[in-house]
Amino acid sequence: MSAIEKSVDLLEDKLKKLLERYIFLKEENEILLNSISNLQQLNAQYDRDLFQVREKYDLLKFAKTIDGSIENSKETKQKINALVREIDKCIVLLNQ
């Protein structure tokens, strides 16, 4: 075999390896992109769940302050006053 034929064979081998590596990396990239998409959907679901839990917590906290227990009477009065002020503002806006 001549030097040119050896060079051509070596070049063909390197091109085959390069093509195999390209195909492997392309498949791996698709798998990773799918994984990212799944994780983003999961993250969005967790964000929605967290928002719902926070809303429930806030409602429970508000209900506890309205409960009127002796320990929270000052906080309950403040919450009621804040609600009354907010209602008054709404009434003023409706009357305009």
PDB file of N, CA and C in Angstrom:
ATOM      1  N   MET A   1       0.842  -1.171   0.000  1.00  0.00           N
ATOM      2  CA  MET A   1       0.000   0.000   0.000  1.00  0.00           C
ATOM      3  C   MET A   1       0.893   1.242   0.000  1.00  0.00           C
ATOM      4  N   SER A   2       0.481   2.175  -0.786  1.00  0.00           N
ATOM      5  CA  SER A   2       1.284   3.393  -0.875  1.00  0.00           C
ATOM      6  C   SER A   2       0.929   4.349   0.267  1.00  0.00           C
ATOM      7  N   ALA A   3       1.726   5.350   0.395  1.00  0.00           N
ATOM      8  CA  ALA A   3       1.526   6.335   1.460  1.00  0.00           C
ATOM      9  C   ALA A   3       0.219   7.088   1.276  1.00  0.00           C
ATOM     10  N   ILE A   4      -0.152   7.313   0.029  1.00  0.00           N
ATOM     11  CA  ILE A   4      -1.407   8.036  -0.238  1.00  0.00           C
ATOM     12  C   ILE A   4      -2.591   7.173   0.176  1.00  0.00           C
ATOM     13  N   GLU A   5      -2.547   5.885  -0.134  1.00  0.00           N
ATOM     14  CA  GLU A   5      -3.635   4.983   0.239  1.00  0.00           C
ATOM     15  C   GLU A   5      -3.748   4.874   1.766  1.00  0.00           C
ATOM     16  N   LYS A   6      -2.620   4.821   2.454  1.00  0.00           N
ATOM     17  CA  LYS A   6      -2.633   4.785   3.912  1.00  0.00           C
ATOM     18  C   LYS A   6      -3.250   6.063   4.476  1.00  0.00           C
ATOM     19  N   SER A   7      -2.900   7.179   3.883  1.00  0.00           N
ATOM     20  CA  SER A   7      -3.445   8.463   4.337  1.00  0.00           C
ATOM     21  C   SER A   7      -4.948   8.528   4.117  1.00  0.00           C
ATOM     22  N   VAL A   8      -5.377   8.001   2.954  1.00  0.00           N
ATOM     23  CA  VAL A   8      -6.809   7.998   2.642  1.00  0.00           C
ATOM     24  C   VAL A   8      -7.539   7.074   3.623  1.00  0.00           C
ATOM     25  N   ASP A   9      -6.985   5.877   3.879  1.00  0.00           N
ATOM     26  CA  ASP A   9      -7.608   4.959   4.833  1.00  0.00           C
ATOM     27  C   ASP A   9      -7.670   5.567   6.232  1.00  0.00           C
ATOM     28  N   LEU A  10      -6.597   6.201   6.631  1.00  0.00           N
ATOM     29  CA  LEU A  10      -6.564   6.851   7.938  1.00  0.00           C
ATOM     30  C   LEU A  10      -7.607   7.959   8.009  1.00  0.00           C
ATOM     31  N   LEU A  11      -7.729   8.734   6.942  1.00  0.00           N
ATOM     32  CA  LEU A  11      -8.720   9.807   6.881  1.00  0.00           C
ATOM     33  C   LEU A  11     -10.133   9.230   6.941  1.00  0.00           C
ATOM     34  N   GLU A  12     -10.385   8.122   6.219  1.00  0.00           N
ATOM     35  CA  GLU A  12     -11.702   7.482   6.253  1.00  0.00           C
ATOM     36  C   GLU A  12     -12.030   6.990   7.655  1.00  0.00           C
ATOM     37  N   ASP A  13     -11.045   6.381   8.325  1.00  0.00           N
ATOM     38  CA  ASP A  13     -11.266   5.909   9.694  1.00  0.00           C
ATOM     39  C   ASP A  13     -11.602   7.066  10.634  1.00  0.00           C
ATOM     40  N   LYS A  14     -10.877   8.145  10.507  1.00  0.00           N
ATOM     41  CA  LYS A  14     -11.130   9.309  11.357  1.00  0.00           C
ATOM     42  C   LYS A  14     -12.496   9.908  11.075  1.00  0.00           C
ATOM     43  N   LEU A  15     -12.891   9.933   9.790  1.00  0.00           N
ATOM     44  CA  LEU A  15     -14.212  10.459   9.441  1.00  0.00           C
ATOM     45  C   LEU A  15     -15.324   9.566   9.986  1.00  0.00           C
ATOM     46  N   LYS A  16     -15.144   8.244   9.934  1.00  0.00           N
ATOM     47  CA  LYS A  16     -16.133   7.326  10.487  1.00  0.00           C
ATOM     48  C   LYS A  16     -16.270   7.537  11.996  1.00  0.00           C
ATOM     49  N   LYS A  17     -15.139   7.657  12.678  1.00  0.00           N
ATOM     50  CA  LYS A  17     -15.176   7.885  14.122  1.00  0.00           C
ATOM     51  C   LYS A  17     -15.850   9.217  14.443  1.00  0.00           C
ATOM     52  N   LEU A  18     -15.531  10.219  13.643  1.00  0.00           N
ATOM     53  CA  LEU A  18     -16.125  11.544  13.838  1.00  0.00           C
ATOM     54  C   LEU A  18     -17.633  11.493  13.612  1.00  0.00           C
ATOM     55  N   LEU A  19     -18.078  10.768  12.598  1.00  0.00           N
ATOM     56  CA  LEU A  19     -19.499  10.638  12.309  1.00  0.00           C
ATOM     57  C   LEU A  19     -20.203   9.868  13.432  1.00  0.00           C
ATOM     58  N   GLU A  20     -19.584   8.807  13.923  1.00  0.00           N
ATOM     59  CA  GLU A  20     -20.149   8.051  15.039  1.00  0.00           C
ATOM     60  C   GLU A  20     -20.277   8.933  16.275  1.00  0.00           C
ATOM     61  N   ARG A  21     -19.249   9.697  16.535  1.00  0.00           N
ATOM     62  CA  ARG A  21     -19.274  10.608  17.704  1.00  0.00           C
ATOM     63  C   ARG A  21     -20.367  11.657  17.535  1.00  0.00           C
ATOM     64  N   TYR A  22     -20.527  12.184  16.320  1.00  0.00           N
ATOM     65  CA  TYR A  22     -21.560  13.177  16.033  1.00  0.00           C
ATOM     66  C   TYR A  22     -22.943  12.591  16.290  1.00  0.00           C
ATOM     67  N   ILE A  23     -23.188  11.374  15.795  1.00  0.00           N
ATOM     68  CA  ILE A  23     -24.486  10.722  15.976  1.00  0.00           C
ATOM     69  C   ILE A  23     -24.751  10.486  17.466  1.00  0.00           C
ATOM     70  N   PHE A  24     -23.732  10.024  18.178  1.00  0.00           N
ATOM     71  CA  PHE A  24     -23.879   9.794  19.620  1.00  0.00           C
ATOM     72  C   PHE A  24     -24.229  11.095  20.347  1.00  0.00           C
ATOM     73  N   LEU A  25     -23.494  12.149  20.042  1.00  0.00           N
ATOM     74  CA  LEU A  25     -23.735  13.434  20.716  1.00  0.00           C
ATOM     75  C   LEU A  25     -25.096  14.014  20.342  1.00  0.00           C
ATOM     76  N   LYS A  26     -25.519  13.800  19.123  1.00  0.00           N
ATOM     77  CA  LYS A  26     -26.839  14.283  18.702  1.00  0.00           C
ATOM     78  C   LYS A  26     -27.937  13.572  19.484  1.00  0.00           C
ATOM     79  N   GLU A  27     -27.822  12.255  19.636  1.00  0.00           N
ATOM     80  CA  GLU A  27     -28.808  11.501  20.412  1.00  0.00           C
ATOM     81  C   GLU A  27     -28.782  11.913  21.882  1.00  0.00           C
ATOM     82  N   GLU A  28     -27.595  12.095  22.418  1.00  0.00           N
ATOM     83  CA  GLU A  28     -27.472  12.530  23.808  1.00  0.00           C
ATOM     84  C   GLU A  28     -28.094  13.907  24.006  1.00  0.00           C
ATOM     85  N   ASN A  29     -27.905  14.785  23.047  1.00  0.00           N
ATOM     86  CA  ASN A  29     -28.483  16.124  23.111  1.00  0.00           C
ATOM     87  C   ASN A  29     -30.015  16.057  23.122  1.00  0.00           C
ATOM     88  N   GLU A  30     -30.592  15.191  22.302  1.00  0.00           N
ATOM     89  CA  GLU A  30     -32.048  15.031  22.283  1.00  0.00           C
ATOM     90  C   GLU A  30     -32.552  14.528  23.634  1.00  0.00           C
ATOM     91  N   ILE A  31     -31.834  13.566  24.196  1.00  0.00           N
ATOM     92  CA  ILE A  31     -32.222  13.040  25.508  1.00  0.00           C
ATOM     93  C   ILE A  31     -32.159  14.145  26.566  1.00  0.00           C
ATOM     94  N   LEU A  32     -31.096  14.930  26.531  1.00  0.00           N
ATOM     95  CA  LEU A  32     -30.949  16.012  27.512  1.00  0.00           C
ATOM     96  C   LEU A  32     -32.007  17.089  27.324  1.00  0.00           C
ATOM     97  N   LEU A  33     -32.350  17.403  26.081  1.00  0.00           N
ATOM     98  CA  LEU A  33     -33.396  18.395  25.825  1.00  0.00           C
ATOM     99  C   LEU A  33     -34.743  17.898  26.338  1.00  0.00           C
ATOM    100  N   ASN A  34     -35.028  16.614  26.151  1.00  0.00           N
ATOM    101  CA  ASN A  34     -36.270  16.045  26.691  1.00  0.00           C
ATOM    102  C   ASN A  34     -36.268  16.098  28.215  1.00  0.00           C
ATOM    103  N   SER A  35     -35.127  15.814  28.793  1.00  0.00           N
ATOM    104  CA  SER A  35     -35.009  15.858  30.248  1.00  0.00           C
ATOM    105  C   SER A  35     -35.249  17.272  30.763  1.00  0.00           C
ATOM    106  N   ILE A  36     -34.683  18.249  30.093  1.00  0.00           N
ATOM    107  CA  ILE A  36     -34.879  19.651  30.484  1.00  0.00           C
ATOM    108  C   ILE A  36     -36.353  20.017  30.397  1.00  0.00           C
ATOM    109  N   SER A  37     -36.998  19.602  29.326  1.00  0.00           N
ATOM    110  CA  SER A  37     -38.416  19.900  29.155  1.00  0.00           C
ATOM    111  C   SER A  37     -39.242  19.280  30.273  1.00  0.00           C
ATOM    112  N   ASN A  38     -38.950  18.026  30.600  1.00  0.00           N
ATOM    113  CA  ASN A  38     -39.681  17.356  31.685  1.00  0.00           C
ATOM    114  C   ASN A  38     -39.446  18.055  33.018  1.00  0.00           C
ATOM    115  N   LEU A  39     -38.213  18.452  33.276  1.00  0.00           N
ATOM    116  CA  LEU A  39     -37.900  19.130  34.533  1.00  0.00           C
ATOM    117  C   LEU A  39     -38.567  20.505  34.607  1.00  0.00           C
ATOM    118  N   GLN A  40     -38.658  21.194  33.470  1.00  0.00           N
ATOM    119  CA  GLN A  40     -39.336  22.489  33.467  1.00  0.00           C
ATOM    120  C   GLN A  40     -40.819  22.323  33.765  1.00  0.00           C
ATOM    121  N   GLN A  41     -41.434  21.285  33.208  1.00  0.00           N
ATOM    122  CA  GLN A  41     -42.843  21.027  33.497  1.00  0.00           C
ATOM    123  C   GLN A  41     -43.035  20.677  34.969  1.00  0.00           C
ATOM    124  N   LEU A  42     -42.143  19.875  35.491  1.00  0.00           N
ATOM    125  CA  LEU A  42     -42.213  19.495  36.902  1.00  0.00           C
ATOM    126  C   LEU A  42     -42.028  20.711  37.799  1.00  0.00           C
ATOM    127  N   ASN A  43     -41.100  21.580  37.435  1.00  0.00           N
ATOM    128  CA  ASN A  43     -40.860  22.809  38.193  1.00  0.00           C
ATOM    129  C   ASN A  43     -42.095  23.716  38.158  1.00  0.00           C
ATOM    130  N   ALA A  44     -42.721  23.817  36.995  1.00  0.00           N
ATOM    131  CA  ALA A  44     -43.930  24.636  36.891  1.00  0.00           C
ATOM    132  C   ALA A  44     -45.034  24.073  37.783  1.00  0.00           C
ATOM    133  N   GLN A  45     -45.157  22.749  37.820  1.00  0.00           N
ATOM    134  CA  GLN A  45     -46.160  22.126  38.676  1.00  0.00           C
ATOM    135  C   GLN A  45     -45.856  22.397  40.147  1.00  0.00           C
ATOM    136  N   TYR A  46     -44.595  22.299  40.521  1.00  0.00           N
ATOM    137  CA  TYR A  46     -44.213  22.584  41.910  1.00  0.00           C
ATOM    138  C   TYR A  46     -44.490  24.048  42.261  1.00  0.00           C
ATOM    139  N   ASP A  47     -44.266  24.946  41.324  1.00  0.00           N
ATOM    140  CA  ASP A  47     -44.562  26.362  41.570  1.00  0.00           C
ATOM    141  C   ASP A  47     -46.053  26.560  41.808  1.00  0.00           C
ATOM    142  N   ARG A  48     -46.896  25.886  40.990  1.00  0.00           N
ATOM    143  CA  ARG A  48     -48.350  25.997  41.181  1.00  0.00           C
ATOM    144  C   ARG A  48     -48.754  25.418  42.542  1.00  0.00           C
ATOM    145  N   ASP A  49     -48.173  24.274  42.877  1.00  0.00           N
ATOM    146  CA  ASP A  49     -48.493  23.658  44.163  1.00  0.00           C
ATOM    147  C   ASP A  49     -48.070  24.557  45.326  1.00  0.00           C
ATOM    148  N   LEU A  50     -46.891  25.140  45.215  1.00  0.00           N
ATOM    149  CA  LEU A  50     -46.406  26.033  46.260  1.00  0.00           C
ATOM    150  C   LEU A  50     -47.321  27.242  46.412  1.00  0.00           C
ATOM    151  N   PHE A  51     -47.757  27.808  45.301  1.00  0.00           N
ATOM    152  CA  PHE A  51     -48.664  28.946  45.341  1.00  0.00           C
ATOM    153  C   PHE A  51     -49.958  28.572  46.053  1.00  0.00           C
ATOM    154  N   GLN A  52     -50.506  27.389  45.738  1.00  0.00           N
ATOM    155  CA  GLN A  52     -51.743  26.952  46.374  1.00  0.00           C
ATOM    156  C   GLN A  52     -51.548  26.732  47.874  1.00  0.00           C
ATOM    157  N   VAL A  53     -50.430  26.149  48.244  1.00  0.00           N
ATOM    158  CA  VAL A  53     -50.159  25.909  49.662  1.00  0.00           C
ATOM    159  C   VAL A  53     -50.003  27.234  50.403  1.00  0.00           C
ATOM    160  N   ARG A  54     -49.317  28.188  49.769  1.00  0.00           N
ATOM    161  CA  ARG A  54     -49.170  29.500  50.412  1.00  0.00           C
ATOM    162  C   ARG A  54     -50.518  30.186  50.592  1.00  0.00           C
ATOM    163  N   GLU A  55     -51.391  30.075  49.587  1.00  0.00           N
ATOM    164  CA  GLU A  55     -52.723  30.665  49.715  1.00  0.00           C
ATOM    165  C   GLU A  55     -53.487  30.028  50.867  1.00  0.00           C
ATOM    166  N   LYS A  56     -53.406  28.697  50.957  1.00  0.00           N
ATOM    167  CA  LYS A  56     -54.089  28.002  52.046  1.00  0.00           C
ATOM    168  C   LYS A  56     -53.507  28.408  53.394  1.00  0.00           C
ATOM    169  N   TYR A  57     -52.191  28.548  53.450  1.00  0.00           N
ATOM    170  CA  TYR A  57     -51.539  28.964  54.693  1.00  0.00           C
ATOM    171  C   TYR A  57     -52.004  30.361  55.093  1.00  0.00           C
ATOM    172  N   ASP A  58     -52.040  31.276  54.127  1.00  0.00           N
ATOM    173  CA  ASP A  58     -52.484  32.635  54.426  1.00  0.00           C
ATOM    174  C   ASP A  58     -53.929  32.648  54.914  1.00  0.00           C
ATOM    175  N   LEU A  59     -54.783  31.842  54.280  1.00  0.00           N
ATOM    176  CA  LEU A  59     -56.179  31.774  54.718  1.00  0.00           C
ATOM    177  C   LEU A  59     -56.286  31.194  56.123  1.00  0.00           C
ATOM    178  N   LEU A  60     -55.507  30.169  56.382  1.00  0.00           N
ATOM    179  CA  LEU A  60     -55.525  29.571  57.720  1.00  0.00           C
ATOM    180  C   LEU A  60     -55.018  30.559  58.765  1.00  0.00           C
ATOM    181  N   LYS A  61     -53.956  31.273  58.412  1.00  0.00           N
ATOM    182  CA  LYS A  61     -53.399  32.270  59.330  1.00  0.00           C
ATOM    183  C   LYS A  61     -54.429  33.366  59.600  1.00  0.00           C
ATOM    184  N   PHE A  62     -55.115  33.806  58.543  1.00  0.00           N
ATOM    185  CA  PHE A  62     -56.143  34.826  58.690  1.00  0.00           C
ATOM    186  C   PHE A  62     -57.285  34.308  59.551  1.00  0.00           C
ATOM    187  N   ALA A  63     -57.692  33.070  59.307  1.00  0.00           N
ATOM    188  CA  ALA A  63     -58.785  32.479  60.088  1.00  0.00           C
ATOM    189  C   ALA A  63     -58.397  32.379  61.558  1.00  0.00           C
ATOM    190  N   LYS A  64     -57.151  32.071  61.826  1.00  0.00           N
ATOM    191  CA  LYS A  64     -56.694  31.988  63.216  1.00  0.00           C
ATOM    192  C   LYS A  64     -56.736  33.355  63.889  1.00  0.00           C
ATOM    193  N   THR A  65     -56.401  34.412  63.142  1.00  0.00           N
ATOM    194  CA  THR A  65     -56.441  35.742  63.763  1.00  0.00           C
ATOM    195  C   THR A  65     -57.876  36.177  63.996  1.00  0.00           C
ATOM    196  N   ILE A  66     -58.779  35.770  63.111  1.00  0.00           N
ATOM    197  CA  ILE A  66     -60.195  36.119  63.279  1.00  0.00           C
ATOM    198  C   ILE A  66     -60.818  35.286  64.389  1.00  0.00           C
ATOM    199  N   ASP A  67     -60.221  34.163  64.685  1.00  0.00           N
ATOM    200  CA  ASP A  67     -60.735  33.232  65.696  1.00  0.00           C
ATOM    201  C   ASP A  67     -61.054  33.965  67.001  1.00  0.00           C
ATOM    202  N   GLY A  68     -60.287  34.973  67.301  1.00  0.00           N
ATOM    203  CA  GLY A  68     -60.591  35.782  68.472  1.00  0.00           C
ATOM    204  C   GLY A  68     -60.009  35.242  69.765  1.00  0.00           C
ATOM    205  N   SER A  69     -59.007  34.437  69.664  1.00  0.00           N
ATOM    206  CA  SER A  69     -58.405  33.935  70.889  1.00  0.00           C
ATOM    207  C   SER A  69     -57.769  35.094  71.647  1.00  0.00           C
ATOM    208  N   ILE A  70     -57.652  34.938  72.931  1.00  0.00           N
ATOM    209  CA  ILE A  70     -57.157  36.009  73.796  1.00  0.00           C
ATOM    210  C   ILE A  70     -55.732  36.403  73.422  1.00  0.00           C
ATOM    211  N   GLU A  71     -54.899  35.407  73.084  1.00  0.00           N
ATOM    212  CA  GLU A  71     -53.503  35.722  72.763  1.00  0.00           C
ATOM    213  C   GLU A  71     -53.394  36.577  71.502  1.00  0.00           C
ATOM    214  N   ASN A  72     -54.320  36.397  70.595  1.00  0.00           N
ATOM    215  CA  ASN A  72     -54.235  37.091  69.307  1.00  0.00           C
ATOM    216  C   ASN A  72     -55.251  38.223  69.181  1.00  0.00           C
ATOM    217  N   SER A  73     -55.803  38.689  70.273  1.00  0.00           N
ATOM    218  CA  SER A  73     -56.854  39.697  70.177  1.00  0.00           C
ATOM    219  C   SER A  73     -56.342  40.997  69.559  1.00  0.00           C
ATOM    220  N   LYS A  74     -55.126  41.387  69.902  1.00  0.00           N
ATOM    221  CA  LYS A  74     -54.575  42.612  69.322  1.00  0.00           C
ATOM    222  C   LYS A  74     -54.374  42.439  67.823  1.00  0.00           C
ATOM    223  N   GLU A  75     -53.822  41.298  67.426  1.00  0.00           N
ATOM    224  CA  GLU A  75     -53.598  41.039  65.999  1.00  0.00           C
ATOM    225  C   GLU A  75     -54.934  40.938  65.253  1.00  0.00           C
ATOM    226  N   THR A  76     -55.933  40.361  65.903  1.00  0.00           N
ATOM    227  CA  THR A  76     -57.260  40.244  65.301  1.00  0.00           C
ATOM    228  C   THR A  76     -57.866  41.623  65.079  1.00  0.00           C
ATOM    229  N   LYS A  77     -57.760  42.486  66.093  1.00  0.00           N
ATOM    230  CA  LYS A  77     -58.290  43.852  65.960  1.00  0.00           C
ATOM    231  C   LYS A  77     -57.590  44.598  64.835  1.00  0.00           C
ATOM    232  N   GLN A  78     -56.272  44.435  64.734  1.00  0.00           N
ATOM    233  CA  GLN A  78     -55.533  45.105  63.663  1.00  0.00           C
ATOM    234  C   GLN A  78     -55.973  44.598  62.294  1.00  0.00           C
ATOM    235  N   LYS A  79     -56.193  43.313  62.175  1.00  0.00           N
ATOM    236  CA  LYS A  79     -56.610  42.732  60.912  1.00  0.00           C
ATOM    237  C   LYS A  79     -57.997  43.229  60.531  1.00  0.00           C
ATOM    238  N   ILE A  80     -58.882  43.275  61.506  1.00  0.00           N
ATOM    239  CA  ILE A  80     -60.241  43.756  61.238  1.00  0.00           C
ATOM    240  C   ILE A  80     -60.201  45.231  60.845  1.00  0.00           C
ATOM    241  N   ASN A  81     -59.397  46.027  61.535  1.00  0.00           N
ATOM    242  CA  ASN A  81     -59.280  47.450  61.194  1.00  0.00           C
ATOM    243  C   ASN A  81     -58.727  47.629  59.780  1.00  0.00           C
ATOM    244  N   ALA A  82     -57.764  46.811  59.419  1.00  0.00           N
ATOM    245  CA  ALA A  82     -57.206  46.893  58.069  1.00  0.00           C
ATOM    246  C   ALA A  82     -58.266  46.536  57.030  1.00  0.00           C
ATOM    247  N   LEU A  83     -59.083  45.531  57.327  1.00  0.00           N
ATOM    248  CA  LEU A  83     -60.155  45.153  56.403  1.00  0.00           C
ATOM    249  C   LEU A  83     -61.200  46.256  56.289  1.00  0.00           C
ATOM    250  N   VAL A  84     -61.533  46.882  57.408  1.00  0.00           N
ATOM    251  CA  VAL A  84     -62.512  47.972  57.391  1.00  0.00           C
ATOM    252  C   VAL A  84     -61.979  49.143  56.570  1.00  0.00           C
ATOM    253  N   ARG A  85     -60.714  49.487  56.761  1.00  0.00           N
ATOM    254  CA  ARG A  85     -60.118  50.574  55.971  1.00  0.00           C
ATOM    255  C   ARG A  85     -60.145  50.243  54.480  1.00  0.00           C
ATOM    256  N   GLU A  86     -59.853  49.010  54.149  1.00  0.00           N
ATOM    257  CA  GLU A  86     -59.854  48.598  52.743  1.00  0.00           C
ATOM    258  C   GLU A  86     -61.269  48.669  52.162  1.00  0.00           C
ATOM    259  N   ILE A  87     -62.255  48.262  52.945  1.00  0.00           N
ATOM    260  CA  ILE A  87     -63.654  48.348  52.502  1.00  0.00           C
ATOM    261  C   ILE A  87     -64.057  49.805  52.324  1.00  0.00           C
ATOM    262  N   ASP A  88     -63.637  50.663  53.255  1.00  0.00           N
ATOM    263  CA  ASP A  88     -63.943  52.093  53.140  1.00  0.00           C
ATOM    264  C   ASP A  88     -63.351  52.678  51.863  1.00  0.00           C
ATOM    265  N   LYS A  89     -62.133  52.301  51.547  1.00  0.00           N
ATOM    266  CA  LYS A  89     -61.503  52.782  50.308  1.00  0.00           C
ATOM    267  C   LYS A  89     -62.293  52.331  49.086  1.00  0.00           C
ATOM    268  N   CYS A  90     -62.757  51.093  49.102  1.00  0.00           N
ATOM    269  CA  CYS A  90     -63.538  50.579  47.990  1.00  0.00           C
ATOM    270  C   CYS A  90     -64.855  51.337  47.840  1.00  0.00           C
ATOM    271  N   ILE A  91     -65.491  51.638  48.959  1.00  0.00           N
ATOM    272  CA  ILE A  91     -66.749  52.384  48.933  1.00  0.00           C
ATOM    273  C   ILE A  91     -66.528  53.779  48.365  1.00  0.00           C
ATOM    274  N   VAL A  92     -65.465  54.424  48.780  1.00  0.00           N
ATOM    275  CA  VAL A  92     -65.133  55.754  48.261  1.00  0.00           C
ATOM    276  C   VAL A  92     -64.919  55.689  46.760  1.00  0.00           C
ATOM    277  N   LEU A  93     -64.218  54.698  46.300  1.00  0.00           N
ATOM    278  CA  LEU A  93     -63.976  54.554  44.859  1.00  0.00           C
ATOM    279  C   LEU A  93     -65.268  54.278  44.096  1.00  0.00           C
ATOM    280  N   LEU A  94     -66.163  53.524  44.688  1.00  0.00           N
ATOM    281  CA  LEU A  94     -67.442  53.239  44.023  1.00  0.00           C
ATOM    282  C   LEU A  94     -68.334  54.470  43.971  1.00  0.00           C
ATOM    283  N   ASN A  95     -68.235  55.347  44.959  1.00  0.00           N
ATOM    284  CA  ASN A  95     -69.079  56.542  44.999  1.00  0.00           C
ATOM    285  C   ASN A  95     -68.587  57.641  44.065  1.00  0.00           C
ATOM    286  N   GLN A  96     -67.399  57.522  43.575  1.00  0.00           N
ATOM    287  CA  GLN A  96     -66.872  58.585  42.700  1.00  0.00           C
ATOM    288  C   GLN A  96     -67.416  58.491  41.313  1.00  0.00           C
TER     289      GLN A  96
END
